[in-house]
Amino acid sequence: MKLETRLQLVIDIDVNPESSTPYFPFNKRVVKFLSKTETEVDIDIYKVDTIGLFNK
């Protein structure tokens, strides 16, 4: 039996210029772990309009 692992990050980025941008650092320890476990990394990024910019 072979175990497969995946790390999936789903990121919502606000189009509001006042909002901060997300930050997800992968330090050496994390990268080493992901490599040793042969983990696939999947990052999905979506725009979020909290100020109604796209409704105008």
C-alpha atoms as a PDB file:
ATOM      1  CA  MET A   1       0.000   0.000   0.000  1.00  0.00           C
ATOM      2  CA  LYS A   2       1.439   3.366  -1.032  1.00  0.00           C
ATOM      3  CA  LEU A   3       0.401   6.561   0.730  1.00  0.00           C
ATOM      4  CA  GLU A   4       0.104   9.725  -1.361  1.00  0.00           C
ATOM      5  CA  THR A   5       0.087  13.165   0.241  1.00  0.00           C
ATOM      6  CA  ARG A   6      -0.945  16.560  -1.017  1.00  0.00           C
ATOM      7  CA  LEU A   7      -0.795  19.990   0.564  1.00  0.00           C
ATOM      8  CA  GLN A   8      -3.495  22.214  -0.890  1.00  0.00           C
ATOM      9  CA  LEU A   9      -3.681  25.935  -0.169  1.00  0.00           C
ATOM     10  CA  VAL A  10      -6.714  27.921  -1.258  1.00  0.00           C
ATOM     11  CA  ILE A  11      -6.009  31.645  -1.140  1.00  0.00           C
ATOM     12  CA  ASP A  12      -8.560  34.449  -1.496  1.00  0.00           C
ATOM     13  CA  ILE A  13      -6.925  37.720  -2.517  1.00  0.00           C
ATOM     14  CA  ASP A  14      -9.003  40.826  -1.877  1.00  0.00           C
ATOM     15  CA  VAL A  15      -8.971  43.339  -4.734  1.00  0.00           C
ATOM     16  CA  ASN A  16      -9.313  46.127  -2.166  1.00  0.00           C
ATOM     17  CA  PRO A  17      -5.991  48.065  -2.280  1.00  0.00           C
ATOM     18  CA  GLU A  18      -6.289  48.629   1.491  1.00  0.00           C
ATOM     19  CA  SER A  19      -6.127  44.864   2.176  1.00  0.00           C
ATOM     20  CA  SER A  20      -2.871  43.084   2.859  1.00  0.00           C
ATOM     21  CA  THR A  21      -1.609  40.350   0.566  1.00  0.00           C
ATOM     22  CA  PRO A  22      -1.198  36.780   1.833  1.00  0.00           C
ATOM     23  CA  TYR A  23       2.227  35.459   2.714  1.00  0.00           C
ATOM     24  CA  PHE A  24       3.008  31.745   2.940  1.00  0.00           C
ATOM     25  CA  PRO A  25       6.705  31.140   3.455  1.00  0.00           C
ATOM     26  CA  PHE A  26       8.137  27.649   3.015  1.00  0.00           C
ATOM     27  CA  ASN A  27      11.315  27.485   5.059  1.00  0.00           C
ATOM     28  CA  LYS A  28      14.028  24.867   4.465  1.00  0.00           C
ATOM     29  CA  ARG A  29      12.587  22.536   7.086  1.00  0.00           C
ATOM     30  CA  VAL A  30       9.148  22.526   5.428  1.00  0.00           C
ATOM     31  CA  VAL A  31      10.611  22.046   1.946  1.00  0.00           C
ATOM     32  CA  LYS A  32      12.756  19.165   3.189  1.00  0.00           C
ATOM     33  CA  PHE A  33       9.720  17.491   4.809  1.00  0.00           C
ATOM     34  CA  LEU A  34       7.613  17.923   1.665  1.00  0.00           C
ATOM     35  CA  SER A  35      10.422  16.432  -0.397  1.00  0.00           C
ATOM     36  CA  LYS A  36      10.982  13.451   1.913  1.00  0.00           C
ATOM     37  CA  THR A  37       7.270  12.634   1.981  1.00  0.00           C
ATOM     38  CA  GLU A  38       6.963  13.261  -1.773  1.00  0.00           C
ATOM     39  CA  THR A  39       4.068  15.607  -1.075  1.00  0.00           C
ATOM     40  CA  GLU A  40       2.463  17.394  -3.996  1.00  0.00           C
ATOM     41  CA  VAL A  41       1.716  21.076  -3.402  1.00  0.00           C
ATOM     42  CA  ASP A  42      -1.310  22.682  -5.022  1.00  0.00           C
ATOM     43  CA  ILE A  43      -1.977  26.416  -4.635  1.00  0.00           C
ATOM     44  CA  ASP A  44      -5.251  27.918  -5.876  1.00  0.00           C
ATOM     45  CA  ILE A  45      -5.662  31.697  -5.925  1.00  0.00           C
ATOM     46  CA  TYR A  46      -9.012  33.459  -6.191  1.00  0.00           C
ATOM     47  CA  LYS A  47      -9.923  37.151  -6.369  1.00  0.00           C
ATOM     48  CA  VAL A  48     -12.398  38.419  -3.784  1.00  0.00           C
ATOM     49  CA  ASP A  49     -14.219  41.725  -4.235  1.00  0.00           C
ATOM     50  CA  THR A  50     -15.188  42.983  -0.760  1.00  0.00           C
ATOM     51  CA  ILE A  51     -15.600  46.598  -1.924  1.00  0.00           C
ATOM     52  CA  GLY A  52     -17.943  46.013  -4.883  1.00  0.00           C
ATOM     53  CA  LEU A  53     -15.373  47.096  -7.479  1.00  0.00           C
ATOM     54  CA  PHE A  54     -16.635  44.591 -10.057  1.00  0.00           C
ATOM     55  CA  ASN A  55     -20.301  45.517  -9.531  1.00  0.00           C
ATOM     56  CA  LYS A  56     -19.853  49.050 -10.923  1.00  0.00           C
END
